Protein backbone atom coordinates (compact mmCIF):
# COMPACT_ATOMS: atom_id res chain seq x y z
CA MET A 1 1.50 1.87 -15.56
CA THR A 2 2.20 -1.32 -17.67
CA SER A 3 6.16 -0.76 -17.75
CA TRP A 4 5.95 -0.27 -13.85
CA ASN A 5 4.29 -3.38 -13.14
CA ASP A 6 6.58 -5.39 -15.68
CA LYS A 7 9.51 -3.87 -13.91
CA ALA A 8 8.27 -4.53 -10.46
CA GLY A 9 7.30 -7.98 -11.29
CA ASN A 10 10.80 -8.95 -12.81
CA VAL A 11 12.36 -7.53 -9.61
CA ILE A 12 10.03 -9.49 -7.30
CA ARG A 13 10.64 -12.82 -9.35
CA GLU A 14 14.32 -12.13 -8.92
CA VAL A 15 14.21 -11.64 -5.19
CA LEU A 16 11.79 -14.72 -4.78
CA SER A 17 14.14 -16.96 -6.55
CA LEU A 18 17.15 -16.01 -4.26
CA LEU A 19 15.00 -16.57 -1.19
CA THR A 20 13.65 -19.85 -2.48
CA GLY A 21 17.23 -20.92 -3.23
CA GLY A 22 18.18 -20.08 0.17
CA VAL A 23 15.20 -21.92 1.78
CA LEU A 24 16.32 -24.88 -0.42
CA LEU A 25 19.88 -24.77 0.68
CA VAL A 26 18.91 -24.80 4.23
CA PHE A 27 16.56 -27.95 3.54
CA VAL A 28 19.47 -29.81 1.78
CA TYR A 29 21.70 -28.86 4.90
CA LEU A 30 19.51 -30.36 7.28
CA PHE A 31 18.60 -33.24 5.04
CA GLY A 32 22.00 -34.83 5.58
CA ARG A 33 23.58 -37.19 3.28
CA ILE A 34 21.80 -38.19 0.21
CA ASN A 35 21.16 -41.98 0.78
CA CYS A 36 18.47 -44.29 2.10
CA VAL A 37 20.12 -44.80 5.43
CA GLU A 38 21.46 -41.50 6.57
CA GLN A 39 18.90 -39.09 5.10
CA ARG A 40 17.01 -36.98 7.49
CA ILE A 41 14.08 -35.55 5.30
CA ARG A 42 11.41 -35.82 8.04
CA LEU A 43 13.55 -33.92 10.49
CA SER A 44 14.32 -31.05 7.89
CA LEU A 45 10.78 -30.83 6.99
CA ALA A 46 9.50 -30.80 10.61
CA GLY A 47 12.04 -28.02 11.30
CA ILE A 48 11.03 -25.68 8.43
CA ILE A 49 7.39 -26.36 9.25
CA MET A 50 7.71 -25.48 12.82
CA VAL A 51 9.45 -22.11 11.81
CA GLY A 52 6.48 -21.48 9.48
CA MET A 53 4.03 -22.35 12.22
CA SER A 54 5.80 -20.02 14.48
CA ILE A 55 5.55 -17.24 11.89
CA ALA A 56 1.77 -17.85 11.43
CA PHE A 57 1.32 -17.75 15.23
CA SER A 58 3.23 -14.49 15.68
CA PHE A 59 1.12 -12.89 12.90
CA ARG A 60 -2.08 -14.00 14.36
CA LEU A 61 -1.02 -12.95 17.87
CA SER A 62 0.03 -9.54 16.74
CA SER A 63 -3.46 -9.36 14.87
CA ALA A 64 -5.22 -10.19 17.90
CA VAL A 65 -3.70 -7.52 19.92
CA GLY A 66 -4.45 -4.74 17.45
CA LEU A 67 -1.17 -4.53 15.57
CA GLU A 68 -1.40 -3.44 11.95
CA TYR A 69 0.25 -5.40 9.17
CA GLY A 70 2.44 -3.03 7.23
CA PRO A 71 4.48 -3.35 4.11
CA LEU A 72 7.70 -4.06 5.78
CA HIS A 73 6.43 -6.97 7.68
CA SER A 74 6.48 -8.95 4.34
CA ILE A 75 10.27 -9.50 5.07
CA LEU A 76 10.09 -10.60 8.72
CA PRO A 77 9.27 -14.23 7.90
CA PHE A 78 12.80 -14.37 6.46
CA PHE A 79 14.40 -13.21 9.46
CA LEU A 80 12.45 -15.47 11.59
CA LEU A 81 13.46 -18.40 9.37
CA GLY A 82 17.12 -17.50 9.87
CA ILE A 83 16.77 -17.30 13.60
CA GLY A 84 14.96 -20.46 13.76
CA VAL A 85 17.31 -22.50 11.54
CA ASP A 86 20.09 -21.44 13.86
CA ASN A 87 18.79 -23.96 16.56
CA MET A 88 17.93 -26.49 13.98
CA PHE A 89 21.57 -26.67 13.02
CA VAL A 90 22.30 -27.19 16.79
CA VAL A 91 19.84 -30.17 16.91
CA VAL A 92 21.25 -31.69 13.68
CA GLY A 93 24.81 -31.03 15.03
CA SER A 94 23.80 -32.76 18.16
CA TYR A 95 22.29 -35.75 16.34
CA LYS A 96 25.58 -36.18 14.21
CA ARG A 97 27.61 -36.64 17.43
CA LEU A 98 25.62 -39.47 18.76
CA SER A 99 27.57 -42.65 19.09
CA HIS A 100 26.53 -45.83 17.36
CA SER A 101 25.53 -47.22 20.76
CA GLU A 102 23.35 -44.20 21.44
CA LEU A 103 21.78 -44.42 18.20
CA SER A 104 20.73 -47.92 19.01
CA LEU A 105 18.71 -46.94 22.10
CA PRO A 106 15.15 -46.55 22.20
CA LEU A 107 13.38 -43.57 20.75
CA ASN A 108 12.63 -41.58 23.96
CA GLN A 109 16.33 -42.13 25.14
CA ARG A 110 17.70 -41.09 21.88
CA ILE A 111 15.65 -38.01 22.09
CA GLY A 112 16.96 -37.32 25.64
CA LYS A 113 20.70 -37.93 24.46
CA LEU A 114 19.98 -35.61 21.29
CA LEU A 115 18.45 -32.89 23.08
CA ARG A 116 20.79 -32.92 26.24
CA PRO A 117 23.58 -30.82 24.54
CA ALA A 118 21.37 -28.78 22.49
CA GLY A 119 19.20 -27.87 25.44
CA VAL A 120 22.13 -26.58 27.26
CA TYR A 121 23.08 -24.44 24.13
CA VAL A 122 19.64 -23.00 23.91
CA LEU A 123 19.41 -22.43 27.85
CA VAL A 124 23.00 -20.81 27.85
CA THR A 125 22.27 -18.33 24.85
CA SER A 126 18.85 -17.41 26.41
CA VAL A 127 20.40 -16.78 29.93
CA THR A 128 23.32 -14.67 28.21
CA ASP A 129 20.91 -12.59 26.48
CA ILE A 130 18.97 -11.85 29.60
CA LEU A 131 22.28 -11.05 31.37
CA VAL A 132 23.28 -8.63 28.72
CA PHE A 133 19.93 -6.83 28.43
CA GLY A 134 19.97 -6.53 32.28
CA VAL A 135 23.40 -5.24 32.62
CA GLY A 136 22.69 -2.89 29.66
CA GLY A 137 19.60 -1.46 31.57
CA THR A 138 21.59 -1.06 34.83
CA THR A 139 25.09 -0.16 34.28
CA ILE A 140 25.60 3.61 34.39
CA MET A 141 28.25 3.70 31.54
CA VAL A 142 25.91 1.82 29.26
CA VAL A 143 23.16 4.10 30.28
CA VAL A 144 25.07 7.29 29.53
CA ILE A 145 26.03 5.73 25.97
CA THR A 146 22.41 4.65 25.36
CA LEU A 147 21.22 8.12 26.30
CA GLY A 148 23.79 9.54 23.81
CA LEU A 149 22.71 7.27 21.08
CA LEU A 150 19.18 7.95 21.94
CA GLY A 151 19.86 11.75 21.50
CA LEU A 152 21.52 11.25 18.26
CA ASN A 153 18.58 9.20 16.97
CA ILE A 154 16.08 11.69 18.03
CA TRP A 155 18.11 14.32 16.23
CA GLY A 156 18.31 12.19 13.18
CA LEU A 157 14.70 11.49 13.22
CA TYR A 158 13.96 15.25 13.60
CA SER A 159 16.22 15.89 10.53
CA LEU A 160 14.89 12.99 8.49
CA LYS A 161 13.22 13.89 5.12
CA GLN A 162 10.96 11.56 3.41
CA ASP A 163 10.74 11.57 -0.39
CA TYR A 164 9.95 9.19 -3.12
CA LYS A 165 10.78 8.79 -6.69
CA GLU A 166 9.55 5.80 -8.97
CA ASN A 167 13.08 5.43 -10.47
CA TRP A 168 14.55 4.74 -7.09
CA PHE A 169 12.94 1.27 -7.31
CA SER A 170 13.70 0.60 -11.04
CA PRO A 171 16.90 -1.18 -12.30
CA THR A 172 19.22 1.27 -13.94
CA ASP A 173 19.44 -0.97 -17.02
CA SER A 174 15.71 -1.04 -17.61
CA TYR A 175 13.80 0.65 -20.29
CA ALA A 176 11.31 2.01 -17.89
CA TYR A 177 14.08 3.61 -15.98
CA GLU A 178 15.58 5.31 -19.23
CA PHE A 179 12.14 6.20 -20.04
CA ASN A 180 11.33 8.18 -16.91
CA GLU A 181 14.75 9.86 -17.00
CA MET A 182 14.00 11.14 -20.49
CA LYS A 183 10.55 12.17 -19.60
CA ASP A 184 11.59 14.08 -16.52
CA LYS A 185 14.49 15.81 -18.50
CA TYR A 186 12.55 16.88 -21.65
CA PHE A 187 9.04 17.04 -20.42
CA PRO A 188 9.04 18.68 -16.84
CA LYS A 189 6.37 17.06 -14.48
CA ARG A 190 2.92 18.51 -14.10
CA GLY A 191 0.43 18.25 -11.07
CA ALA A 192 -1.33 15.09 -10.45
CA LEU A 193 -4.61 14.73 -12.22
CA GLY A 194 -7.53 13.83 -10.09
CA GLY A 195 -11.28 13.59 -10.12
CA VAL A 196 -14.41 13.45 -7.68
CA TYR A 197 -16.19 10.41 -8.68
CA CYS A 198 -19.96 10.13 -7.79
CA LYS A 199 -22.54 7.16 -7.86
CA ASN A 200 -25.99 6.54 -6.52
CA ILE A 201 -26.62 10.27 -6.30
CA ASP A 202 -30.08 12.06 -6.59
CA TYR A 203 -28.71 14.49 -8.86
CA LEU A 204 -31.82 16.66 -9.41
CA ASN A 205 -31.74 17.55 -5.68
CA SER A 206 -28.02 17.95 -5.36
CA LYS A 207 -27.53 21.28 -7.32
CA THR A 208 -26.36 23.06 -4.17
CA LYS A 209 -23.87 20.34 -3.04
CA PHE A 210 -22.11 20.55 -6.67
CA GLU A 211 -22.00 24.32 -6.57
CA THR A 212 -20.36 23.95 -3.32
CA LEU A 213 -17.85 21.46 -4.42
CA TYR A 214 -16.95 23.37 -7.44
CA ASN A 215 -16.37 26.68 -5.39
CA ARG A 216 -14.52 24.97 -2.95
CA THR A 217 -12.27 23.00 -5.12
CA ILE A 218 -11.36 26.18 -7.03
CA ASN A 219 -10.38 28.04 -3.97
CA ASN A 220 -8.39 25.13 -2.56
CA GLN A 221 -4.71 26.00 -2.06
CA TYR A 222 -3.66 22.71 -3.38
CA ILE A 223 -5.34 22.67 -6.76
CA ALA A 224 -3.86 24.47 -9.74
CA THR A 225 -5.50 27.51 -10.93
CA GLY A 226 -8.09 26.96 -13.79
CA SER A 227 -7.71 23.10 -13.68
CA VAL A 228 -11.34 22.31 -12.13
CA ASP A 229 -13.73 21.23 -14.95
CA SER A 230 -17.11 20.45 -13.87
CA TRP A 231 -19.78 18.98 -16.10
CA PHE A 232 -22.45 20.02 -13.61
CA LYS A 233 -21.56 23.63 -13.83
CA SER A 234 -21.23 23.60 -17.85
CA TYR A 235 -24.79 21.92 -17.56
CA THR A 236 -26.43 24.46 -15.20
CA ASP A 237 -24.83 27.32 -17.22
CA TRP A 238 -26.19 25.93 -20.45
CA LEU A 239 -29.76 25.56 -18.83
CA GLU A 240 -29.74 29.35 -17.98
CA THR A 241 -28.51 30.51 -21.45
CA ASN A 242 -30.76 28.11 -23.53
CA PRO A 243 -34.32 28.70 -22.66
CA ALA A 244 -35.61 27.68 -26.20
CA ALA A 245 -33.85 24.32 -25.98
CA THR A 246 -35.24 23.63 -22.43
CA ALA A 247 -38.87 24.90 -22.92
CA GLY A 248 -41.46 22.87 -20.93
CA LYS A 249 -38.86 20.93 -19.08
CA VAL A 250 -37.40 23.35 -16.66
CA THR A 251 -38.70 25.89 -14.00
CA ASN A 252 -36.48 28.88 -13.06
CA ASN A 253 -33.71 27.61 -15.40
CA TYR A 254 -33.67 24.10 -13.72
CA PRO A 255 -35.11 20.68 -14.64
CA ASN A 256 -38.64 19.94 -13.21
CA THR A 257 -37.98 16.02 -12.84
CA GLU A 258 -35.22 13.50 -12.75
CA ALA A 259 -36.17 12.41 -16.28
CA ASP A 260 -36.04 15.85 -17.33
CA PHE A 261 -32.70 16.36 -15.77
CA ALA A 262 -31.35 13.36 -17.63
CA ASP A 263 -32.90 13.92 -21.07
CA LEU A 264 -31.78 17.57 -21.01
CA LEU A 265 -28.16 16.44 -19.94
CA GLN A 266 -27.98 13.93 -22.67
CA THR A 267 -29.09 16.61 -25.10
CA PHE A 268 -26.28 18.93 -23.72
CA LEU A 269 -23.50 16.51 -24.02
CA ASN A 270 -24.38 15.22 -27.48
CA ASN A 271 -25.50 18.36 -29.44
CA GLU A 272 -23.52 21.21 -27.79
CA THR A 273 -19.95 22.05 -28.38
CA ASN A 274 -19.21 22.73 -24.87
CA GLY A 275 -21.25 19.61 -23.61
CA LYS A 276 -19.20 17.22 -25.98
CA ARG A 277 -16.00 17.86 -24.05
CA HIS A 278 -17.91 16.29 -20.92
CA LEU A 279 -19.09 13.01 -22.58
CA ARG A 280 -16.72 10.72 -20.82
CA GLU A 281 -17.40 12.34 -17.47
CA VAL A 282 -21.30 11.08 -17.35
CA VAL A 283 -22.24 7.48 -17.76
CA PHE A 284 -25.96 6.78 -18.67
CA GLN A 285 -28.06 3.64 -18.14
CA ASN A 286 -31.21 3.08 -20.03
CA ASN A 287 -33.91 1.15 -17.85
CA SER A 288 -36.83 0.02 -19.80
CA GLY A 289 -36.96 3.37 -21.76
CA ILE A 290 -36.09 5.37 -18.54
CA LEU A 291 -32.78 7.11 -18.86
CA ASP A 292 -30.69 7.18 -15.63
CA ILE A 293 -27.23 8.69 -14.61
CA THR A 294 -25.14 6.00 -13.15
CA THR A 295 -21.85 7.63 -12.52
CA THR A 296 -20.05 10.97 -12.97
CA TYR A 297 -16.77 12.74 -12.22
CA VAL A 298 -15.67 16.41 -11.78
CA SER A 299 -11.86 16.61 -12.82
CA TYR A 300 -9.16 18.80 -11.30
CA GLN A 301 -5.32 18.89 -11.18
CA HIS A 302 -2.93 19.65 -8.20
CA LYS A 303 -0.28 21.86 -8.18
CA ILE A 304 3.27 20.72 -8.31
CA PHE A 305 4.73 19.71 -4.90
CA ASP A 306 8.43 19.54 -3.88
CA THR A 307 8.02 17.33 -1.07
CA VAL A 308 6.04 13.98 -0.01
CA ALA A 309 4.66 16.00 3.05
CA GLU A 310 2.99 18.33 0.76
CA GLU A 311 1.62 15.64 -1.39
CA ILE A 312 0.01 13.98 1.67
CA VAL A 313 -1.41 17.15 3.05
CA ALA A 314 -3.02 17.86 -0.36
CA MET A 315 -4.54 14.41 -0.58
CA ASP A 316 -6.03 14.62 2.67
CA ALA A 317 -7.33 18.13 2.06
CA MET A 318 -9.21 16.95 -0.90
CA VAL A 319 -10.58 13.88 1.08
CA GLU A 320 -11.78 16.28 3.75
CA LEU A 321 -13.24 18.75 1.34
CA VAL A 322 -15.23 16.09 -0.38
CA ARG A 323 -16.50 14.32 2.85
CA GLY A 324 -17.72 17.81 4.15
CA ILE A 325 -20.19 17.81 1.16
CA PHE A 326 -21.10 14.31 0.10
CA PRO A 327 -21.18 11.09 1.95
CA GLU A 328 -18.51 8.49 1.27
CA THR A 329 -20.90 6.16 -0.21
CA GLU A 330 -21.90 8.74 -2.98
CA CYS A 331 -18.55 10.70 -3.76
CA SER A 332 -14.95 10.28 -3.28
CA PRO A 333 -11.80 12.02 -4.78
CA TYR A 334 -9.43 9.77 -6.46
CA SER A 335 -6.05 10.17 -8.56
CA ARG A 336 -3.65 7.40 -9.72
CA LYS A 337 -1.11 9.24 -7.72
CA TYR A 338 -2.97 8.97 -4.49
CA LEU A 339 -2.08 5.34 -4.52
CA GLU A 340 1.64 6.23 -4.06
CA TRP A 341 0.83 9.24 -1.66
CA GLU A 342 -1.28 7.02 0.35
CA ALA A 343 1.68 4.40 0.76
CA ASN A 344 4.07 7.47 1.58
CA LYS A 345 1.57 8.33 4.38
CA VAL A 346 1.57 4.75 5.73
CA ILE A 347 5.21 4.67 5.88
CA LYS A 348 5.45 8.18 7.38
CA ARG A 349 2.86 7.04 10.13
CA GLU A 350 4.96 3.91 10.85
């Protein structure tokens, strides 16, 4: 994970440096000549600030009408900057063409002289765009071509296959890329490891829920056979087969109180061979001499999937399975791979 973060950070820094350099070049161009008389620093700053304000307004307006922000939107400001800079070039060019007599006019007249040719340019391009789209929407030949392209796009979307590999986003000369290539070659991949993490639960009265969770998970078609490992099942099996160790604290092979549940569980985890392997799956907290269980998890492993679509379905299946037993505030399934799968789910939806 650290290698991936380092690699992604390096790529982002390289791209940001290029983008920053591009913005600086635009600023320098608009700045004008580097002297105290002909410099236009306020003009260039105002132009870039106006583009930034336009970007901020468009994002806020989109949010106000309910449009969600997605990963691809992060590159849109740079497209908007390019579009905005185009009109800024026109204004600067118009300023350069002002004569000495025009430059000596009062401010309001100078602005009129400056914007007269620039306004015509903006008006002409706007009208041209309207006419082009209007003709394109009413001309038969264009409609035929558009329908043909639409059909090709529909066919292309139908045939589109979504997939993801971590190394696709890695520079081929990076050590992380070479490591992943060797890992895939000599150590074939296995299914994603995951767990159902729980907190703030009345464990004493949740026996039926944990039994249901175990049975449904082992029968889930997206979970590898024999991969489900439940501390709760191991614990209750031990309670049933060790009456001497639990004497006085159980009724019908189950703890009488929450305190008995926690004390016997700690004994099972610390002293029994089968319990020691579950030690890291249960977190205790001692509050004024009263032992309490704070967090637990039940581990599982997914099968190996060939496509992104299968991964998304498998993740959603586990989420629905757990939601059908526990409230979201008590238990949730999690895997480090779910971060990747959830991102693919968002991309597929968009």
